[in-house]
Amino acid sequence: MHLPSTSPPCPASVPVIGPFAFADAADAAPVPAIVGAYDRLDISERARVLGRLLSSVGPLGMAVVAGGAFSKYVTQSRLPEIQVAFEDAARATLRQFAELVRYVQQSDPESFMRLLTMLGRDSKTSAALEPA
């Protein structure tokens, strides 16, 4: 018995957003680029990117993602953008950031696509995303 596929067909062309080219939001290709750029961003850019990512994470997610490293922002979890303190952005490890990026990519693909678009439009952030 053959069951029809429930997944949508793959698009004929691969979209490009900023420096990223991928088939859909579930594609893992942009994750390493974003994570790799984290160390090259200045503190204010780190805080801005973290704020955008965290705005896609609900209260429960904030309590568990990255070992609860971002749980202090749980009261802001429903805001469109979270204001992350520079100290918190400086303290966030690459591993915590990577876990947050992967969580957002899996749990909120639309928000992840918006983040990629935002990163691609910002010249400073986009430059950090270029291969070192």
N, C-alpha and C. Protein backbone atom coordinates (compact mmCIF):
# COMPACT_ATOMS: atom_id res chain seq x y z
N MET A 1 0.85 -1.18 0.00
CA MET A 1 0.00 0.00 0.00
C MET A 1 0.89 1.24 0.00
N HIS A 2 0.64 2.12 -0.92
CA HIS A 2 1.43 3.34 -1.05
C HIS A 2 0.64 4.52 -0.50
N LEU A 3 1.22 5.20 0.49
CA LEU A 3 0.58 6.38 1.07
C LEU A 3 1.17 7.62 0.42
N PRO A 4 0.34 8.59 0.09
CA PRO A 4 0.87 9.83 -0.50
C PRO A 4 1.70 10.60 0.52
N SER A 5 2.68 11.29 0.01
CA SER A 5 3.54 12.10 0.86
C SER A 5 2.76 13.30 1.39
N THR A 6 2.96 13.62 2.65
CA THR A 6 2.29 14.78 3.23
C THR A 6 3.19 16.01 3.22
N SER A 7 4.46 15.82 2.87
CA SER A 7 5.36 16.97 2.84
C SER A 7 5.21 17.69 1.52
N PRO A 8 5.37 19.01 1.54
CA PRO A 8 5.22 19.78 0.30
C PRO A 8 6.36 19.46 -0.66
N PRO A 9 6.12 19.61 -1.95
CA PRO A 9 7.19 19.34 -2.90
C PRO A 9 8.33 20.33 -2.74
N CYS A 10 9.51 19.90 -3.09
CA CYS A 10 10.69 20.75 -3.01
C CYS A 10 10.57 21.85 -4.06
N PRO A 11 10.88 23.10 -3.74
CA PRO A 11 10.74 24.17 -4.72
C PRO A 11 11.72 23.99 -5.88
N ALA A 12 11.37 24.51 -7.04
CA ALA A 12 12.21 24.38 -8.22
C ALA A 12 13.50 25.16 -8.06
N SER A 13 13.43 26.31 -7.41
CA SER A 13 14.64 27.10 -7.19
C SER A 13 14.93 27.17 -5.70
N VAL A 14 16.19 27.30 -5.37
CA VAL A 14 16.60 27.39 -3.98
C VAL A 14 16.69 28.86 -3.60
N PRO A 15 15.92 29.32 -2.60
CA PRO A 15 15.95 30.73 -2.23
C PRO A 15 17.27 31.12 -1.57
N VAL A 16 17.63 32.38 -1.74
CA VAL A 16 18.83 32.91 -1.11
C VAL A 16 18.39 34.04 -0.20
N ILE A 17 18.81 33.97 1.06
CA ILE A 17 18.51 35.02 2.02
C ILE A 17 19.83 35.46 2.61
N GLY A 18 20.19 36.72 2.36
CA GLY A 18 21.48 37.20 2.83
C GLY A 18 22.58 36.32 2.25
N PRO A 19 23.53 35.90 3.06
CA PRO A 19 24.60 35.05 2.55
C PRO A 19 24.22 33.57 2.52
N PHE A 20 22.96 33.23 2.80
CA PHE A 20 22.55 31.85 2.93
C PHE A 20 21.70 31.40 1.74
N ALA A 21 21.95 30.19 1.28
CA ALA A 21 21.11 29.57 0.27
C ALA A 21 20.66 28.23 0.84
N PHE A 22 19.35 27.96 0.83
CA PHE A 22 18.85 26.72 1.39
C PHE A 22 17.48 26.41 0.83
N ALA A 23 17.12 25.14 0.91
CA ALA A 23 15.86 24.69 0.34
C ALA A 23 14.67 25.08 1.19
N ASP A 24 14.78 24.97 2.51
CA ASP A 24 13.68 25.35 3.39
C ASP A 24 14.24 25.62 4.78
N ALA A 25 13.38 26.02 5.70
CA ALA A 25 13.81 26.41 7.04
C ALA A 25 14.38 25.25 7.82
N ALA A 26 14.09 24.03 7.43
CA ALA A 26 14.61 22.87 8.15
C ALA A 26 16.04 22.53 7.74
N ASP A 27 16.55 23.18 6.69
CA ASP A 27 17.91 22.93 6.23
C ASP A 27 18.88 23.41 7.29
N ALA A 28 19.85 22.58 7.64
CA ALA A 28 20.78 22.90 8.72
C ALA A 28 21.95 23.75 8.26
N ALA A 29 22.11 24.02 6.97
CA ALA A 29 23.28 24.72 6.46
C ALA A 29 23.53 26.07 7.13
N PRO A 30 22.50 26.92 7.37
CA PRO A 30 22.80 28.22 7.95
C PRO A 30 23.20 28.17 9.42
N VAL A 31 22.86 27.12 10.13
CA VAL A 31 23.14 27.07 11.57
C VAL A 31 24.63 27.20 11.85
N PRO A 32 25.50 26.42 11.22
CA PRO A 32 26.93 26.58 11.51
C PRO A 32 27.45 27.97 11.17
N ALA A 33 26.93 28.58 10.11
CA ALA A 33 27.36 29.93 9.75
C ALA A 33 26.99 30.93 10.83
N ILE A 34 25.78 30.83 11.34
CA ILE A 34 25.33 31.75 12.39
C ILE A 34 26.14 31.54 13.66
N VAL A 35 26.31 30.28 14.03
CA VAL A 35 27.04 29.96 15.25
C VAL A 35 28.50 30.39 15.12
N GLY A 36 29.08 30.15 13.95
CA GLY A 36 30.47 30.55 13.74
C GLY A 36 30.66 32.05 13.79
N ALA A 37 29.65 32.79 13.39
CA ALA A 37 29.75 34.25 13.39
C ALA A 37 29.62 34.85 14.78
N TYR A 38 29.06 34.10 15.71
CA TYR A 38 28.78 34.64 17.04
C TYR A 38 30.02 35.25 17.69
N ASP A 39 31.16 34.57 17.59
CA ASP A 39 32.39 35.08 18.20
C ASP A 39 32.91 36.33 17.51
N ARG A 40 32.51 36.56 16.25
CA ARG A 40 32.99 37.72 15.51
C ARG A 40 32.08 38.94 15.68
N LEU A 41 30.95 38.76 16.33
CA LEU A 41 30.05 39.89 16.56
C LEU A 41 30.49 40.66 17.79
N ASP A 42 30.28 41.99 17.76
CA ASP A 42 30.56 42.75 18.98
C ASP A 42 29.42 42.52 19.97
N ILE A 43 29.60 42.97 21.18
CA ILE A 43 28.63 42.70 22.25
C ILE A 43 27.24 43.22 21.92
N SER A 44 27.15 44.40 21.35
CA SER A 44 25.81 44.94 21.05
C SER A 44 25.10 44.09 19.99
N GLU A 45 25.84 43.61 18.99
CA GLU A 45 25.25 42.74 17.97
C GLU A 45 24.87 41.39 18.56
N ARG A 46 25.69 40.86 19.46
CA ARG A 46 25.35 39.60 20.13
C ARG A 46 24.05 39.75 20.89
N ALA A 47 23.93 40.85 21.62
CA ALA A 47 22.72 41.09 22.41
C ALA A 47 21.50 41.19 21.50
N ARG A 48 21.64 41.86 20.36
CA ARG A 48 20.53 42.02 19.44
C ARG A 48 20.11 40.68 18.84
N VAL A 49 21.08 39.87 18.41
CA VAL A 49 20.77 38.56 17.83
C VAL A 49 20.14 37.65 18.89
N LEU A 50 20.70 37.65 20.09
CA LEU A 50 20.12 36.85 21.18
C LEU A 50 18.69 37.28 21.46
N GLY A 51 18.45 38.59 21.48
CA GLY A 51 17.10 39.10 21.73
C GLY A 51 16.11 38.64 20.68
N ARG A 52 16.54 38.63 19.41
CA ARG A 52 15.67 38.15 18.34
C ARG A 52 15.39 36.67 18.48
N LEU A 53 16.43 35.90 18.79
CA LEU A 53 16.25 34.46 18.96
C LEU A 53 15.34 34.16 20.15
N LEU A 54 15.60 34.81 21.27
CA LEU A 54 14.83 34.54 22.48
C LEU A 54 13.36 34.92 22.34
N SER A 55 13.06 35.90 21.48
CA SER A 55 11.66 36.28 21.31
C SER A 55 10.85 35.17 20.66
N SER A 56 11.53 34.18 20.07
CA SER A 56 10.85 33.03 19.46
C SER A 56 10.71 31.86 20.40
N VAL A 57 11.22 32.01 21.61
CA VAL A 57 11.22 30.91 22.58
C VAL A 57 10.19 31.20 23.65
N GLY A 58 9.32 30.26 23.91
CA GLY A 58 8.32 30.41 24.96
C GLY A 58 8.92 30.25 26.34
N PRO A 59 8.12 30.46 27.38
CA PRO A 59 8.62 30.39 28.75
C PRO A 59 9.24 29.03 29.11
N LEU A 60 8.61 27.96 28.69
CA LEU A 60 9.15 26.63 29.01
C LEU A 60 10.48 26.42 28.30
N GLY A 61 10.55 26.83 27.04
CA GLY A 61 11.79 26.70 26.29
C GLY A 61 12.93 27.46 26.94
N MET A 62 12.64 28.67 27.41
CA MET A 62 13.69 29.46 28.07
C MET A 62 14.20 28.78 29.34
N ALA A 63 13.33 28.05 29.98
CA ALA A 63 13.73 27.37 31.21
C ALA A 63 14.63 26.17 30.94
N VAL A 64 14.54 25.59 29.73
CA VAL A 64 15.31 24.37 29.48
C VAL A 64 16.41 24.52 28.44
N VAL A 65 16.25 25.38 27.45
CA VAL A 65 17.27 25.52 26.40
C VAL A 65 18.57 26.03 27.01
N ALA A 66 19.66 25.43 26.58
CA ALA A 66 21.00 25.81 27.04
C ALA A 66 21.11 25.70 28.56
N GLY A 67 20.48 24.68 29.10
CA GLY A 67 20.56 24.48 30.55
C GLY A 67 19.93 25.60 31.35
N GLY A 68 18.96 26.31 30.76
CA GLY A 68 18.29 27.40 31.47
C GLY A 68 19.09 28.68 31.51
N ALA A 69 20.13 28.79 30.68
CA ALA A 69 21.00 29.97 30.69
C ALA A 69 20.25 31.27 30.42
N PHE A 70 19.12 31.18 29.74
CA PHE A 70 18.37 32.38 29.38
C PHE A 70 17.06 32.51 30.16
N SER A 71 16.92 31.74 31.22
CA SER A 71 15.67 31.72 31.98
C SER A 71 15.36 33.06 32.64
N LYS A 72 16.34 33.89 32.82
CA LYS A 72 16.09 35.21 33.44
C LYS A 72 15.16 36.06 32.56
N TYR A 73 15.04 35.71 31.28
CA TYR A 73 14.21 36.47 30.36
C TYR A 73 12.81 35.88 30.19
N VAL A 74 12.46 34.91 31.02
CA VAL A 74 11.17 34.23 30.89
C VAL A 74 9.99 35.20 31.02
N THR A 75 10.11 36.23 31.82
CA THR A 75 9.00 37.18 31.98
C THR A 75 8.79 38.03 30.73
N GLN A 76 9.78 38.06 29.84
CA GLN A 76 9.66 38.83 28.60
C GLN A 76 9.35 37.92 27.40
N SER A 77 9.08 36.66 27.67
CA SER A 77 9.00 35.67 26.60
C SER A 77 7.93 35.93 25.55
N ARG A 78 6.98 36.76 25.80
CA ARG A 78 5.93 37.03 24.80
C ARG A 78 6.14 38.35 24.07
N LEU A 79 7.24 39.02 24.32
CA LEU A 79 7.52 40.29 23.65
C LEU A 79 8.07 40.04 22.25
N PRO A 80 7.85 40.98 21.31
CA PRO A 80 8.35 40.79 19.94
C PRO A 80 9.88 40.78 19.86
N GLU A 81 10.53 41.49 20.75
CA GLU A 81 11.98 41.45 20.83
C GLU A 81 12.38 41.63 22.28
N ILE A 82 13.32 40.83 22.71
CA ILE A 82 13.77 40.85 24.09
C ILE A 82 15.06 41.66 24.18
N GLN A 83 15.11 42.55 25.14
CA GLN A 83 16.30 43.36 25.35
C GLN A 83 17.29 42.59 26.22
N VAL A 84 18.30 42.02 25.60
CA VAL A 84 19.30 41.23 26.31
C VAL A 84 20.41 42.18 26.79
N ALA A 85 20.75 42.06 28.06
CA ALA A 85 21.81 42.89 28.64
C ALA A 85 23.15 42.52 28.00
N PHE A 86 24.00 43.51 27.81
CA PHE A 86 25.32 43.28 27.23
C PHE A 86 26.11 42.26 28.05
N GLU A 87 25.95 42.31 29.37
CA GLU A 87 26.67 41.38 30.24
C GLU A 87 26.23 39.94 29.95
N ASP A 88 24.94 39.75 29.73
CA ASP A 88 24.42 38.41 29.43
C ASP A 88 24.89 37.94 28.06
N ALA A 89 24.95 38.86 27.10
CA ALA A 89 25.45 38.51 25.76
C ALA A 89 26.93 38.12 25.83
N ALA A 90 27.68 38.80 26.65
CA ALA A 90 29.11 38.49 26.79
C ALA A 90 29.31 37.16 27.50
N ARG A 91 28.43 36.83 28.40
CA ARG A 91 28.53 35.60 29.19
C ARG A 91 28.03 34.36 28.45
N ALA A 92 27.16 34.55 27.48
CA ALA A 92 26.60 33.41 26.75
C ALA A 92 27.71 32.70 25.97
N THR A 93 27.81 31.41 26.18
CA THR A 93 28.85 30.64 25.51
C THR A 93 28.43 30.27 24.09
N LEU A 94 29.39 29.88 23.31
CA LEU A 94 29.12 29.44 21.95
C LEU A 94 28.19 28.22 21.95
N ARG A 95 28.38 27.34 22.89
CA ARG A 95 27.52 26.15 22.99
C ARG A 95 26.07 26.54 23.32
N GLN A 96 25.88 27.48 24.25
CA GLN A 96 24.54 27.93 24.60
C GLN A 96 23.87 28.61 23.40
N PHE A 97 24.64 29.43 22.71
CA PHE A 97 24.12 30.10 21.53
C PHE A 97 23.73 29.09 20.45
N ALA A 98 24.57 28.10 20.22
CA ALA A 98 24.29 27.07 19.21
C ALA A 98 23.02 26.31 19.56
N GLU A 99 22.85 25.98 20.82
CA GLU A 99 21.65 25.25 21.23
C GLU A 99 20.40 26.11 21.02
N LEU A 100 20.51 27.40 21.31
CA LEU A 100 19.39 28.32 21.11
C LEU A 100 19.05 28.43 19.62
N VAL A 101 20.06 28.57 18.78
CA VAL A 101 19.83 28.67 17.33
C VAL A 101 19.13 27.42 16.81
N ARG A 102 19.62 26.25 17.21
CA ARG A 102 19.00 25.00 16.76
C ARG A 102 17.56 24.87 17.26
N TYR A 103 17.33 25.27 18.49
CA TYR A 103 15.98 25.20 19.06
C TYR A 103 15.02 26.07 18.25
N VAL A 104 15.43 27.30 17.97
CA VAL A 104 14.56 28.21 17.22
C VAL A 104 14.35 27.69 15.80
N GLN A 105 15.39 27.17 15.18
CA GLN A 105 15.26 26.63 13.83
C GLN A 105 14.22 25.51 13.80
N GLN A 106 14.23 24.65 14.81
CA GLN A 106 13.31 23.52 14.83
C GLN A 106 11.91 23.90 15.31
N SER A 107 11.82 24.77 16.29
CA SER A 107 10.52 25.06 16.89
C SER A 107 9.75 26.17 16.19
N ASP A 108 10.45 27.09 15.54
CA ASP A 108 9.79 28.22 14.90
C ASP A 108 10.51 28.55 13.59
N PRO A 109 10.34 27.72 12.56
CA PRO A 109 11.05 27.94 11.30
C PRO A 109 10.79 29.31 10.67
N GLU A 110 9.58 29.83 10.81
CA GLU A 110 9.28 31.15 10.24
C GLU A 110 10.11 32.23 10.92
N SER A 111 10.21 32.16 12.22
CA SER A 111 11.03 33.12 12.95
C SER A 111 12.50 32.98 12.57
N PHE A 112 12.92 31.75 12.37
CA PHE A 112 14.30 31.49 11.96
C PHE A 112 14.57 32.13 10.60
N MET A 113 13.61 32.02 9.69
CA MET A 113 13.75 32.65 8.36
C MET A 113 13.83 34.17 8.50
N ARG A 114 13.01 34.75 9.38
CA ARG A 114 13.06 36.20 9.60
C ARG A 114 14.41 36.60 10.17
N LEU A 115 14.96 35.77 11.07
CA LEU A 115 16.28 36.06 11.63
C LEU A 115 17.34 36.05 10.54
N LEU A 116 17.30 35.07 9.66
CA LEU A 116 18.26 35.02 8.56
C LEU A 116 18.15 36.25 7.67
N THR A 117 16.93 36.66 7.40
CA THR A 117 16.71 37.86 6.59
C THR A 117 17.30 39.08 7.28
N MET A 118 17.02 39.22 8.58
CA MET A 118 17.54 40.34 9.34
C MET A 118 19.07 40.34 9.34
N LEU A 119 19.67 39.18 9.54
CA LEU A 119 21.12 39.09 9.56
C LEU A 119 21.72 39.42 8.19
N GLY A 120 21.05 38.98 7.14
CA GLY A 120 21.54 39.25 5.80
C GLY A 120 21.46 40.71 5.40
N ARG A 121 20.49 41.44 5.95
CA ARG A 121 20.31 42.85 5.63
C ARG A 121 21.29 43.75 6.37
N ASP A 122 21.71 43.34 7.54
CA ASP A 122 22.59 44.16 8.37
C ASP A 122 24.04 43.96 7.90
N SER A 123 24.67 45.01 7.42
CA SER A 123 26.01 44.89 6.83
C SER A 123 27.04 44.41 7.85
N LYS A 124 26.97 44.88 9.08
CA LYS A 124 27.93 44.46 10.10
C LYS A 124 27.79 42.98 10.43
N THR A 125 26.56 42.56 10.63
CA THR A 125 26.30 41.15 10.97
C THR A 125 26.59 40.27 9.77
N SER A 126 26.18 40.72 8.59
CA SER A 126 26.41 39.94 7.38
C SER A 126 27.90 39.74 7.14
N ALA A 127 28.72 40.76 7.41
CA ALA A 127 30.18 40.64 7.25
C ALA A 127 30.73 39.60 8.21
N ALA A 128 30.18 39.53 9.42
CA ALA A 128 30.63 38.55 10.40
C ALA A 128 30.28 37.13 9.96
N LEU A 129 29.21 37.00 9.17
CA LEU A 129 28.76 35.70 8.71
C LEU A 129 29.59 35.15 7.56
N GLU A 130 30.36 36.02 6.91
CA GLU A 130 31.20 35.56 5.81
C GLU A 130 32.27 34.64 6.37
N PRO A 131 32.66 33.60 5.62
CA PRO A 131 33.68 32.68 6.09
C PRO A 131 34.96 33.41 6.47
N ALA A 132 35.57 32.99 7.57
CA ALA A 132 36.77 33.67 8.07
C ALA A 132 37.99 33.30 7.26
